[in-house]
């Protein structure tokens, strides 16, 4: 679940843009406006809003895909770094045990 927090943080600014673009400003019925004139105009407004929403969703999906790919590559880098650090830790522990044994041997032989 924690892996989705960066994705959510990255996509949050775009969600507000999508929501504001998704709320089409319909032509309201004016006093004696004819429905035959009003409906085509509202349909056109809806079509423009749908096209804009589709473009925004496509952009968001592309950014989300890039974010997920970056997370995957970052995880792979962290795994290799952890392996390297584990090897260095084992090596340092080995040298410290050898040094301790050598110190004990020197103190015992005096």
PDB file of N, CA and C in Angstrom:
ATOM      1  N   UNK A   1       0.821  -1.190   0.000  1.00  0.00           N
ATOM      2  CA  UNK A   1       0.000   0.000   0.000  1.00  0.00           C
ATOM      3  C   UNK A   1       0.864   1.252   0.000  1.00  0.00           C
ATOM      4  N   UNK A   2       2.003   1.217   0.693  1.00  0.00           N
ATOM      5  CA  UNK A   2       2.860   2.391   0.779  1.00  0.00           C
ATOM      6  C   UNK A   2       3.475   2.743  -0.563  1.00  0.00           C
ATOM      7  N   UNK A   3       3.578   1.780  -1.464  1.00  0.00           N
ATOM      8  CA  UNK A   3       4.162   2.049  -2.779  1.00  0.00           C
ATOM      9  C   UNK A   3       3.254   2.944  -3.615  1.00  0.00           C
ATOM     10  N   UNK A   4       1.980   2.999  -3.306  1.00  0.00           N
ATOM     11  CA  UNK A   4       1.053   3.820  -4.084  1.00  0.00           C
ATOM     12  C   UNK A   4       1.025   5.270  -3.612  1.00  0.00           C
ATOM     13  N   UNK A   5       1.600   5.569  -2.433  1.00  0.00           N
ATOM     14  CA  UNK A   5       1.589   6.940  -1.946  1.00  0.00           C
ATOM     15  C   UNK A   5       2.324   7.897  -2.882  1.00  0.00           C
ATOM     16  N   UNK A   6       3.525   7.563  -3.382  1.00  0.00           N
ATOM     17  CA  UNK A   6       4.166   8.489  -4.330  1.00  0.00           C
ATOM     18  C   UNK A   6       3.360   8.663  -5.611  1.00  0.00           C
ATOM     19  N   UNK A   7       2.719   7.597  -6.052  1.00  0.00           N
ATOM     20  CA  UNK A   7       1.901   7.689  -7.261  1.00  0.00           C
ATOM     21  C   UNK A   7       0.723   8.627  -7.010  1.00  0.00           C
ATOM     22  N   UNK A   8       0.105   8.488  -5.859  1.00  0.00           N
ATOM     23  CA  UNK A   8      -1.026   9.345  -5.521  1.00  0.00           C
ATOM     24  C   UNK A   8      -0.581  10.795  -5.401  1.00  0.00           C
ATOM     25  N   UNK A   9       0.565  11.025  -4.750  1.00  0.00           N
ATOM     26  CA  UNK A   9       1.072  12.389  -4.607  1.00  0.00           C
ATOM     27  C   UNK A   9       1.410  12.999  -5.963  1.00  0.00           C
ATOM     28  N   UNK A  10       1.929  12.187  -6.870  1.00  0.00           N
ATOM     29  CA  UNK A  10       2.294  12.704  -8.191  1.00  0.00           C
ATOM     30  C   UNK A  10       1.061  13.018  -9.033  1.00  0.00           C
ATOM     31  N   UNK A  11      -0.003  12.262  -8.848  1.00  0.00           N
ATOM     32  CA  UNK A  11      -1.190  12.447  -9.693  1.00  0.00           C
ATOM     33  C   UNK A  11      -2.198  13.423  -9.106  1.00  0.00           C
ATOM     34  N   UNK A  12      -2.070  13.777  -7.843  1.00  0.00           N
ATOM     35  CA  UNK A  12      -3.053  14.634  -7.188  1.00  0.00           C
ATOM     36  C   UNK A  12      -3.228  15.999  -7.860  1.00  0.00           C
ATOM     37  N   UNK A  13      -2.168  16.699  -8.265  1.00  0.00           N
ATOM     38  CA  UNK A  13      -2.397  17.993  -8.927  1.00  0.00           C
ATOM     39  C   UNK A  13      -3.174  17.868 -10.239  1.00  0.00           C
ATOM     40  N   UNK A  14      -3.030  16.762 -10.922  1.00  0.00           N
ATOM     41  CA  UNK A  14      -3.705  16.586 -12.198  1.00  0.00           C
ATOM     42  C   UNK A  14      -5.168  16.206 -12.014  1.00  0.00           C
ATOM     43  N   UNK A  15      -5.483  15.591 -10.900  1.00  0.00           N
ATOM     44  CA  UNK A  15      -6.869  15.198 -10.648  1.00  0.00           C
ATOM     45  C   UNK A  15      -7.748  16.435 -10.526  1.00  0.00           C
ATOM     46  N   UNK A  16      -7.247  17.470  -9.867  1.00  0.00           N
ATOM     47  CA  UNK A  16      -8.045  18.690  -9.746  1.00  0.00           C
ATOM     48  C   UNK A  16      -8.273  19.333 -11.107  1.00  0.00           C
ATOM     49  N   UNK A  17      -7.265  19.279 -11.975  1.00  0.00           N
ATOM     50  CA  UNK A  17      -7.435  19.821 -13.320  1.00  0.00           C
ATOM     51  C   UNK A  17      -8.491  19.034 -14.088  1.00  0.00           C
ATOM     52  N   UNK A  18      -8.466  17.725 -13.929  1.00  0.00           N
ATOM     53  CA  UNK A  18      -9.431  16.879 -14.641  1.00  0.00           C
ATOM     54  C   UNK A  18     -10.840  17.155 -14.127  1.00  0.00           C
ATOM     55  N   UNK A  19     -10.974  17.292 -12.825  1.00  0.00           N
ATOM     56  CA  UNK A  19     -12.304  17.527 -12.260  1.00  0.00           C
ATOM     57  C   UNK A  19     -12.849  18.870 -12.721  1.00  0.00           C
ATOM     58  N   UNK A  20     -12.015  19.908 -12.732  1.00  0.00           N
ATOM     59  CA  UNK A  20     -12.509  21.212 -13.167  1.00  0.00           C
ATOM     60  C   UNK A  20     -12.837  21.203 -14.659  1.00  0.00           C
ATOM     61  N   UNK A  21     -12.097  20.429 -15.440  1.00  0.00           N
ATOM     62  CA  UNK A  21     -12.398  20.345 -16.871  1.00  0.00           C
ATOM     63  C   UNK A  21     -13.604  19.451 -17.124  1.00  0.00           C
ATOM     64  N   UNK A  22     -13.867  18.527 -16.223  1.00  0.00           N
ATOM     65  CA  UNK A  22     -14.959  17.585 -16.423  1.00  0.00           C
ATOM     66  C   UNK A  22     -16.323  18.189 -16.134  1.00  0.00           C
ATOM     67  N   UNK A  23     -16.348  19.292 -15.460  1.00  0.00           N
ATOM     68  CA  UNK A  23     -17.631  19.920 -15.147  1.00  0.00           C
ATOM     69  C   UNK A  23     -17.987  20.901 -16.268  1.00  0.00           C
ATOM     70  N   UNK A  24     -18.696  20.410 -17.267  1.00  0.00           N
ATOM     71  CA  UNK A  24     -19.021  21.302 -18.395  1.00  0.00           C
ATOM     72  C   UNK A  24     -19.987  22.392 -17.954  1.00  0.00           C
ATOM     73  N   UNK A  25     -19.781  23.532 -18.506  1.00  0.00           N
ATOM     74  CA  UNK A  25     -20.664  24.659 -18.219  1.00  0.00           C
ATOM     75  C   UNK A  25     -21.774  24.639 -19.273  1.00  0.00           C
ATOM     76  N   UNK A  26     -22.844  23.978 -18.928  1.00  0.00           N
ATOM     77  CA  UNK A  26     -23.952  23.832 -19.868  1.00  0.00           C
ATOM     78  C   UNK A  26     -24.649  25.161 -20.113  1.00  0.00           C
ATOM     79  N   UNK A  27     -25.192  25.248 -21.285  1.00  0.00           N
ATOM     80  CA  UNK A  27     -26.030  26.385 -21.603  1.00  0.00           C
ATOM     81  C   UNK A  27     -27.327  26.204 -20.835  1.00  0.00           C
ATOM     82  N   UNK A  28     -27.624  27.165 -20.031  1.00  0.00           N
ATOM     83  CA  UNK A  28     -28.832  27.018 -19.216  1.00  0.00           C
ATOM     84  C   UNK A  28     -30.044  27.462 -20.022  1.00  0.00           C
ATOM     85  N   UNK A  29     -31.181  26.982 -19.592  1.00  0.00           N
ATOM     86  CA  UNK A  29     -32.433  27.364 -20.257  1.00  0.00           C
ATOM     87  C   UNK A  29     -32.727  28.809 -19.914  1.00  0.00           C
ATOM     88  N   UNK A  30     -32.891  29.545 -20.941  1.00  0.00           N
ATOM     89  CA  UNK A  30     -33.245  30.947 -20.735  1.00  0.00           C
ATOM     90  C   UNK A  30     -34.762  31.071 -20.870  1.00  0.00           C
ATOM     91  N   UNK A  31     -35.267  32.076 -20.318  1.00  0.00           N
ATOM     92  CA  UNK A  31     -36.711  32.310 -20.296  1.00  0.00           C
ATOM     93  C   UNK A  31     -37.513  31.536 -21.323  1.00  0.00           C
ATOM     94  N   UNK A  32     -37.507  31.926 -22.572  1.00  0.00           N
ATOM     95  CA  UNK A  32     -38.321  31.274 -23.582  1.00  0.00           C
ATOM     96  C   UNK A  32     -37.483  30.549 -24.615  1.00  0.00           C
ATOM     97  N   UNK A  33     -36.309  30.055 -24.213  1.00  0.00           N
ATOM     98  CA  UNK A  33     -35.429  29.378 -25.166  1.00  0.00           C
ATOM     99  C   UNK A  33     -36.078  28.097 -25.651  1.00  0.00           C
ATOM    100  N   UNK A  34     -35.945  27.869 -26.925  1.00  0.00           N
ATOM    101  CA  UNK A  34     -36.536  26.692 -27.548  1.00  0.00           C
ATOM    102  C   UNK A  34     -35.633  25.482 -27.299  1.00  0.00           C
ATOM    103  N   UNK A  35     -36.216  24.351 -26.919  1.00  0.00           N
ATOM    104  CA  UNK A  35     -35.460  23.129 -26.653  1.00  0.00           C
ATOM    105  C   UNK A  35     -34.749  22.641 -27.902  1.00  0.00           C
ATOM    106  N   UNK A  36     -35.302  22.896 -29.058  1.00  0.00           N
ATOM    107  CA  UNK A  36     -34.684  22.464 -30.314  1.00  0.00           C
ATOM    108  C   UNK A  36     -33.367  23.185 -30.556  1.00  0.00           C
ATOM    109  N   UNK A  37     -33.248  24.407 -30.078  1.00  0.00           N
ATOM    110  CA  UNK A  37     -32.001  25.152 -30.223  1.00  0.00           C
ATOM    111  C   UNK A  37     -31.028  24.824 -29.093  1.00  0.00           C
ATOM    112  N   UNK A  38     -31.564  24.558 -27.929  1.00  0.00           N
ATOM    113  CA  UNK A  38     -30.750  24.360 -26.735  1.00  0.00           C
ATOM    114  C   UNK A  38     -30.063  22.997 -26.701  1.00  0.00           C
ATOM    115  N   UNK A  39     -30.764  21.952 -27.089  1.00  0.00           N
ATOM    116  CA  UNK A  39     -30.233  20.592 -27.021  1.00  0.00           C
ATOM    117  C   UNK A  39     -28.979  20.406 -27.888  1.00  0.00           C
ATOM    118  N   UNK A  40     -28.956  20.830 -29.142  1.00  0.00           N
ATOM    119  CA  UNK A  40     -27.725  20.654 -29.931  1.00  0.00           C
ATOM    120  C   UNK A  40     -26.530  21.397 -29.338  1.00  0.00           C
ATOM    121  N   UNK A  41     -26.801  22.567 -28.772  1.00  0.00           N
ATOM    122  CA  UNK A  41     -25.704  23.318 -28.166  1.00  0.00           C
ATOM    123  C   UNK A  41     -25.174  22.584 -26.931  1.00  0.00           C
ATOM    124  N   UNK A  42     -26.049  22.034 -26.123  1.00  0.00           N
ATOM    125  CA  UNK A  42     -25.621  21.274 -24.953  1.00  0.00           C
ATOM    126  C   UNK A  42     -24.881  20.005 -25.368  1.00  0.00           C
ATOM    127  N   UNK A  43     -25.319  19.355 -26.437  1.00  0.00           N
ATOM    128  CA  UNK A  43     -24.632  18.155 -26.935  1.00  0.00           C
ATOM    129  C   UNK A  43     -23.228  18.517 -27.400  1.00  0.00           C
ATOM    130  N   UNK A  44     -23.105  19.629 -28.076  1.00  0.00           N
ATOM    131  CA  UNK A  44     -21.785  20.065 -28.533  1.00  0.00           C
ATOM    132  C   UNK A  44     -20.869  20.357 -27.350  1.00  0.00           C
ATOM    133  N   UNK A  45     -21.407  20.995 -26.319  1.00  0.00           N
ATOM    134  CA  UNK A  45     -20.618  21.268 -25.115  1.00  0.00           C
ATOM    135  C   UNK A  45     -20.180  19.962 -24.445  1.00  0.00           C
ATOM    136  N   UNK A  46     -21.080  19.003 -24.398  1.00  0.00           N
ATOM    137  CA  UNK A  46     -20.731  17.701 -23.825  1.00  0.00           C
ATOM    138  C   UNK A  46     -19.636  17.007 -24.632  1.00  0.00           C
ATOM    139  N   UNK A  47     -19.734  17.067 -25.948  1.00  0.00           N
ATOM    140  CA  UNK A  47     -18.722  16.439 -26.791  1.00  0.00           C
ATOM    141  C   UNK A  47     -17.356  17.087 -26.575  1.00  0.00           C
ATOM    142  N   UNK A  48     -17.312  18.393 -26.472  1.00  0.00           N
ATOM    143  CA  UNK A  48     -16.042  19.094 -26.215  1.00  0.00           C
ATOM    144  C   UNK A  48     -15.489  18.678 -24.852  1.00  0.00           C
ATOM    145  N   UNK A  49     -16.362  18.580 -23.853  1.00  0.00           N
ATOM    146  CA  UNK A  49     -15.919  18.177 -22.517  1.00  0.00           C
ATOM    147  C   UNK A  49     -15.391  16.747 -22.521  1.00  0.00           C
ATOM    148  N   UNK A  50     -16.053  15.859 -23.246  1.00  0.00           N
ATOM    149  CA  UNK A  50     -15.614  14.459 -23.312  1.00  0.00           C
ATOM    150  C   UNK A  50     -14.257  14.356 -23.985  1.00  0.00           C
ATOM    151  N   UNK A  51     -14.070  15.105 -25.069  1.00  0.00           N
ATOM    152  CA  UNK A  51     -12.779  15.084 -25.767  1.00  0.00           C
ATOM    153  C   UNK A  51     -11.684  15.617 -24.850  1.00  0.00           C
ATOM    154  N   UNK A  52     -11.971  16.698 -24.157  1.00  0.00           N
ATOM    155  CA  UNK A  52     -10.979  17.268 -23.234  1.00  0.00           C
ATOM    156  C   UNK A  52     -10.672  16.290 -22.097  1.00  0.00           C
ATOM    157  N   UNK A  53     -11.706  15.650 -21.582  1.00  0.00           N
ATOM    158  CA  UNK A  53     -11.499  14.665 -20.510  1.00  0.00           C
ATOM    159  C   UNK A  53     -10.672  13.490 -21.000  1.00  0.00           C
ATOM    160  N   UNK A  54     -10.928  13.025 -22.204  1.00  0.00           N
ATOM    161  CA  UNK A  54     -10.170  11.898 -22.746  1.00  0.00           C
ATOM    162  C   UNK A  54      -8.697  12.255 -22.889  1.00  0.00           C
ATOM    163  N   UNK A  55      -8.421  13.479 -23.339  1.00  0.00           N
ATOM    164  CA  UNK A  55      -7.022  13.909 -23.458  1.00  0.00           C
ATOM    165  C   UNK A  55      -6.362  14.001 -22.088  1.00  0.00           C
ATOM    166  N   UNK A  56      -7.083  14.526 -21.108  1.00  0.00           N
ATOM    167  CA  UNK A  56      -6.529  14.652 -19.761  1.00  0.00           C
ATOM    168  C   UNK A  56      -6.284  13.278 -19.140  1.00  0.00           C
ATOM    169  N   UNK A  57      -7.200  12.343 -19.345  1.00  0.00           N
ATOM    170  CA  UNK A  57      -7.032  10.990 -18.806  1.00  0.00           C
ATOM    171  C   UNK A  57      -5.853  10.295 -19.487  1.00  0.00           C
ATOM    172  N   UNK A  58      -5.711  10.503 -20.785  1.00  0.00           N
ATOM    173  CA  UNK A  58      -4.586   9.902 -21.506  1.00  0.00           C
ATOM    174  C   UNK A  58      -3.260  10.450 -20.980  1.00  0.00           C
ATOM    175  N   UNK A  59      -3.195  11.754 -20.747  1.00  0.00           N
ATOM    176  CA  UNK A  59      -1.976  12.363 -20.199  1.00  0.00           C
ATOM    177  C   UNK A  59      -1.692  11.828 -18.798  1.00  0.00           C
ATOM    178  N   UNK A  60      -2.729  11.719 -17.994  1.00  0.00           N
ATOM    179  CA  UNK A  60      -2.571  11.194 -16.634  1.00  0.00           C
ATOM    180  C   UNK A  60      -2.110   9.745 -16.660  1.00  0.00           C
ATOM    181  N   UNK A  61      -2.662   8.955 -17.568  1.00  0.00           N
ATOM    182  CA  UNK A  61      -2.258   7.547 -17.680  1.00  0.00           C
ATOM    183  C   UNK A  61      -0.798   7.440 -18.102  1.00  0.00           C
ATOM    184  N   UNK A  62      -0.367   8.297 -19.008  1.00  0.00           N
ATOM    185  CA  UNK A  62       1.041   8.293 -19.431  1.00  0.00           C
ATOM    186  C   UNK A  62       1.947   8.650 -18.270  1.00  0.00           C
ATOM    187  N   UNK A  63       1.575   9.659 -17.507  1.00  0.00           N
ATOM    188  CA  UNK A  63       2.379  10.055 -16.357  1.00  0.00           C
ATOM    189  C   UNK A  63       2.387   8.975 -15.284  1.00  0.00           C
ATOM    190  N   UNK A  64       1.252   8.324 -15.088  1.00  0.00           N
ATOM    191  CA  UNK A  64       1.181   7.235 -14.116  1.00  0.00           C
ATOM    192  C   UNK A  64       2.058   6.070 -14.548  1.00  0.00           C
ATOM    193  N   UNK A  65       2.059   5.761 -15.842  1.00  0.00           N
ATOM    194  CA  UNK A  65       2.911   4.692 -16.356  1.00  0.00           C
ATOM    195  C   UNK A  65       4.380   5.040 -16.149  1.00  0.00           C
ATOM    196  N   UNK A  66       4.761   6.271 -16.421  1.00  0.00           N
ATOM    197  CA  UNK A  66       6.145   6.692 -16.203  1.00  0.00           C
ATOM    198  C   UNK A  66       6.521   6.608 -14.728  1.00  0.00           C
ATOM    199  N   UNK A  67       5.601   7.002 -13.861  1.00  0.00           N
ATOM    200  CA  UNK A  67       5.863   6.937 -12.425  1.00  0.00           C
ATOM    201  C   UNK A  67       6.052   5.499 -11.970  1.00  0.00           C
ATOM    202  N   UNK A  68       5.217   4.601 -12.454  1.00  0.00           N
ATOM    203  CA  UNK A  68       5.331   3.192 -12.069  1.00  0.00           C
ATOM    204  C   UNK A  68       6.630   2.594 -12.596  1.00  0.00           C
ATOM    205  N   UNK A  69       7.012   2.942 -13.826  1.00  0.00           N
ATOM    206  CA  UNK A  69       8.279   2.455 -14.367  1.00  0.00           C
ATOM    207  C   UNK A  69       9.451   2.982 -13.545  1.00  0.00           C
ATOM    208  N   UNK A  70       9.390   4.255 -13.143  1.00  0.00           N
ATOM    209  CA  UNK A  70      10.453   4.823 -12.318  1.00  0.00           C
ATOM    210  C   UNK A  70      10.514   4.159 -10.955  1.00  0.00           C
ATOM    211  N   UNK A  71       9.347   3.830 -10.398  1.00  0.00           N
ATOM    212  CA  UNK A  71       9.330   3.109  -9.125  1.00  0.00           C
ATOM    213  C   UNK A  71       9.970   1.735  -9.259  1.00  0.00           C
ATOM    214  N   UNK A  72       9.693   1.050 -10.371  1.00  0.00           N
ATOM    215  CA  UNK A  72      10.271  -0.272 -10.595  1.00  0.00           C
ATOM    216  C   UNK A  72      11.776  -0.200 -10.751  1.00  0.00           C
ATOM    217  N   UNK A  73      12.257   0.781 -11.508  1.00  0.00           N
ATOM    218  CA  UNK A  73      13.708   0.901 -11.685  1.00  0.00           C
ATOM    219  C   UNK A  73      14.373   1.321 -10.378  1.00  0.00           C
ATOM    220  N   UNK A  74      13.703   2.166  -9.610  1.00  0.00           N
ATOM    221  CA  UNK A  74      14.237   2.562  -8.305  1.00  0.00           C
ATOM    222  C   UNK A  74      14.317   1.385  -7.352  1.00  0.00           C
ATOM    223  N   UNK A  75      13.315   0.517  -7.394  1.00  0.00           N
ATOM    224  CA  UNK A  75      13.327  -0.673  -6.535  1.00  0.00           C
ATOM    225  C   UNK A  75      14.470  -1.608  -6.926  1.00  0.00           C
ATOM    226  N   UNK A  76      14.717  -1.762  -8.220  1.00  0.00           N
ATOM    227  CA  UNK A  76      15.818  -2.616  -8.676  1.00  0.00           C
ATOM    228  C   UNK A  76      17.156  -2.048  -8.233  1.00  0.00           C
ATOM    229  N   UNK A  77      17.312  -0.725  -8.318  1.00  0.00           N
ATOM    230  CA  UNK A  77      18.556  -0.098  -7.863  1.00  0.00           C
ATOM    231  C   UNK A  77      18.749  -0.289  -6.363  1.00  0.00           C
ATOM    232  N   UNK A  78      17.659  -0.151  -5.611  1.00  0.00           N
ATOM    233  CA  UNK A  78      17.759  -0.343  -4.160  1.00  0.00           C
ATOM    234  C   UNK A  78      18.130  -1.778  -3.806  1.00  0.00           C
ATOM    235  N   UNK A  79      17.599  -2.748  -4.550  1.00  0.00           N
ATOM    236  CA  UNK A  79      17.952  -4.142  -4.282  1.00  0.00           C
ATOM    237  C   UNK A  79      19.430  -4.393  -4.528  1.00  0.00           C
ATOM    238  N   UNK A  80      19.959  -3.867  -5.617  1.00  0.00           N
ATOM    239  CA  UNK A  80      21.389  -4.071  -5.892  1.00  0.00           C
ATOM    240  C   UNK A  80      22.241  -3.365  -4.846  1.00  0.00           C
ATOM    241  N   UNK A  81      21.812  -2.184  -4.403  1.00  0.00           N
ATOM    242  CA  UNK A  81      22.544  -1.463  -3.359  1.00  0.00           C
ATOM    243  C   UNK A  81      22.510  -2.246  -2.041  1.00  0.00           C
ATOM    244  N   UNK A  82      21.359  -2.837  -1.729  1.00  0.00           N
ATOM    245  CA  UNK A  82      21.257  -3.642  -0.502  1.00  0.00           C
ATOM    246  C   UNK A  82      22.168  -4.857  -0.553  1.00  0.00           C
ATOM    247  N   UNK A  83      22.261  -5.520  -1.722  1.00  0.00           N
ATOM    248  CA  UNK A  83      23.166  -6.660  -1.855  1.00  0.00           C
ATOM    249  C   UNK A  83      24.618  -6.229  -1.646  1.00  0.00           C
ATOM    250  N   UNK A  84      24.985  -5.087  -2.223  1.00  0.00           N
ATOM    251  CA  UNK A  84      26.345  -4.589  -2.088  1.00  0.00           C
ATOM    252  C   UNK A  84      26.651  -4.253  -0.632  1.00  0.00           C
ATOM    253  N   UNK A  85      25.715  -3.605   0.043  1.00  0.00           N
ATOM    254  CA  UNK A  85      25.924  -3.262   1.446  1.00  0.00           C
ATOM    255  C   UNK A  85      25.979  -4.508   2.331  1.00  0.00           C
ATOM    256  N   UNK A  86      25.199  -5.519   1.997  1.00  0.00           N
ATOM    257  CA  UNK A  86      25.231  -6.766   2.762  1.00  0.00           C
ATOM    258  C   UNK A  86      26.602  -7.435   2.630  1.00  0.00           C
ATOM    259  N   UNK A  87      27.157  -7.439   1.407  1.00  0.00           N
ATOM    260  CA  UNK A  87      28.493  -8.010   1.202  1.00  0.00           C
ATOM    261  C   UNK A  87      29.548  -7.237   1.992  1.00  0.00           C
ATOM    262  N   UNK A  88      29.462  -5.910   1.950  1.00  0.00           N
ATOM    263  CA  UNK A  88      30.422  -5.102   2.704  1.00  0.00           C
ATOM    264  C   UNK A  88      30.293  -5.334   4.208  1.00  0.00           C
ATOM    265  N   UNK A  89      29.083  -5.517   4.689  1.00  0.00           N
ATOM    266  CA  UNK A  89      28.871  -5.784   6.111  1.00  0.00           C
ATOM    267  C   UNK A  89      29.486  -7.127   6.513  1.00  0.00           C
ATOM    268  N   UNK A  90      29.271  -8.142   5.683  1.00  0.00           N
ATOM    269  CA  UNK A  90      29.855  -9.460   5.971  1.00  0.00           C
ATOM    270  C   UNK A  90      31.381  -9.379   5.951  1.00  0.00           C
ATOM    271  N   UNK A  91      31.919  -8.645   4.987  1.00  0.00           N
ATOM    272  CA  UNK A  91      33.372  -8.480   4.899  1.00  0.00           C
ATOM    273  C   UNK A  91      33.911  -7.748   6.127  1.00  0.00           C
ATOM    274  N   UNK A  92      33.249  -6.677   6.560  1.00  0.00           N
ATOM    275  CA  UNK A  92      33.680  -5.928   7.739  1.00  0.00           C
ATOM    276  C   UNK A  92      33.574  -6.794   8.996  1.00  0.00           C
ATOM    277  N   UNK A  93      32.514  -7.570   9.100  1.00  0.00           N
ATOM    278  CA  UNK A  93      32.352  -8.457  10.244  1.00  0.00           C
ATOM    279  C   UNK A  93      33.453  -9.518  10.264  1.00  0.00           C
ATOM    280  N   UNK A  94      33.796 -10.058   9.101  1.00  0.00           N
ATOM    281  CA  UNK A  94      34.865 -11.061   9.009  1.00  0.00           C
ATOM    282  C   UNK A  94      36.194 -10.471   9.459  1.00  0.00           C
ATOM    283  N   UNK A  95      36.517  -9.274   8.970  1.00  0.00           N
ATOM    284  CA  UNK A  95      37.770  -8.637   9.373  1.00  0.00           C
ATOM    285  C   UNK A  95      37.788  -8.316  10.860  1.00  0.00           C
ATOM    286  N   UNK A  96      36.652  -7.897  11.408  1.00  0.00           N
ATOM    287  CA  UNK A  96      36.618  -7.582  12.834  1.00  0.00           C
ATOM    288  C   UNK A  96      36.782  -8.835  13.684  1.00  0.00           C
ATOM    289  N   UNK A  97      36.205  -9.952  13.269  1.00  0.00           N
ATOM    290  CA  UNK A  97      36.379 -11.211  14.014  1.00  0.00           C
ATOM    291  C   UNK A  97      37.832 -11.668  13.923  1.00  0.00           C
ATOM    292  N   UNK A  98      38.431 -11.563  12.741  1.00  0.00           N
ATOM    293  CA  UNK A  98      39.847 -11.936  12.584  1.00  0.00           C
ATOM    294  C   UNK A  98      40.721 -11.047  13.462  1.00  0.00           C
ATOM    295  N   UNK A  99      40.447  -9.734  13.481  1.00  0.00           N
ATOM    296  CA  UNK A  99      41.218  -8.813  14.322  1.00  0.00           C
ATOM    297  C   UNK A  99      41.041  -9.114  15.790  1.00  0.00           C
ATOM    298  N   UNK A 100      39.837  -9.435  16.225  1.00  0.00           N
ATOM    299  CA  UNK A 100      39.590  -9.776  17.619  1.00  0.00           C
ATOM    300  C   UNK A 100      40.326 -11.050  18.006  1.00  0.00           C
ATOM    301  N   UNK A 101      40.271 -12.056  17.130  1.00  0.00           N
ATOM    302  CA  UNK A 101      40.982 -13.311  17.407  1.00  0.00           C
ATOM    303  C   UNK A 101      42.497 -13.073  17.467  1.00  0.00           C
ATOM    304  N   UNK A 102      43.000 -12.266  16.580  1.00  0.00           N
ATOM    305  CA  UNK A 102      44.422 -11.939  16.571  1.00  0.00           C
ATOM    306  C   UNK A 102      44.814 -11.185  17.839  1.00  0.00           C
ATOM    307  N   UNK A 103      43.994 -10.257  18.299  1.00  0.00           N
ATOM    308  CA  UNK A 103      44.287  -9.513  19.530  1.00  0.00           C
ATOM    309  C   UNK A 103      44.276 -10.433  20.750  1.00  0.00           C
ATOM    310  N   UNK A 104      43.291 -11.323  20.793  1.00  0.00           N
ATOM    311  CA  UNK A 104      43.219 -12.281  21.912  1.00  0.00           C
ATOM    312  C   UNK A 104      44.446 -13.187  21.898  1.00  0.00           C
ATOM    313  N   UNK A 105      44.858 -13.652  20.733  1.00  0.00           N
ATOM    314  CA  UNK A 105      46.007 -14.540  20.609  1.00  0.00           C
ATOM    315  C   UNK A 105      47.287 -13.819  21.063  1.00  0.00           C
ATOM    316  N   UNK A 106      47.432 -12.548  20.656  1.00  0.00           N
ATOM    317  CA  UNK A 106      48.620 -11.784  21.049  1.00  0.00           C
ATOM    318  C   UNK A 106      48.633 -11.558  22.556  1.00  0.00           C
ATOM    319  N   UNK A 107      47.476 -11.214  23.143  1.00  0.00           N
ATOM    320  CA  UNK A 107      47.423 -11.005  24.588  1.00  0.00           C
ATOM    321  C   UNK A 107      47.642 -12.309  25.346  1.00  0.00           C
ATOM    322  N   UNK A 108      47.176 -13.405  24.812  1.00  0.00           N
ATOM    323  CA  UNK A 108      47.323 -14.693  25.497  1.00  0.00           C
ATOM    324  C   UNK A 108      48.759 -15.194  25.420  1.00  0.00           C
ATOM    325  N   UNK A 109      49.502 -14.844  24.378  1.00  0.00           N
ATOM    326  CA  UNK A 109      50.855 -15.352  24.221  1.00  0.00           C
ATOM    327  C   UNK A 109      51.877 -14.564  25.035  1.00  0.00           C
ATOM    328  N   UNK A 110      51.528 -13.453  25.624  1.00  0.00           N
ATOM    329  CA  UNK A 110      52.495 -12.656  26.405  1.00  0.00           C
ATOM    330  C   UNK A 110      52.604 -13.147  27.792  1.00  0.00           C
TER     331      UNK A 110
END
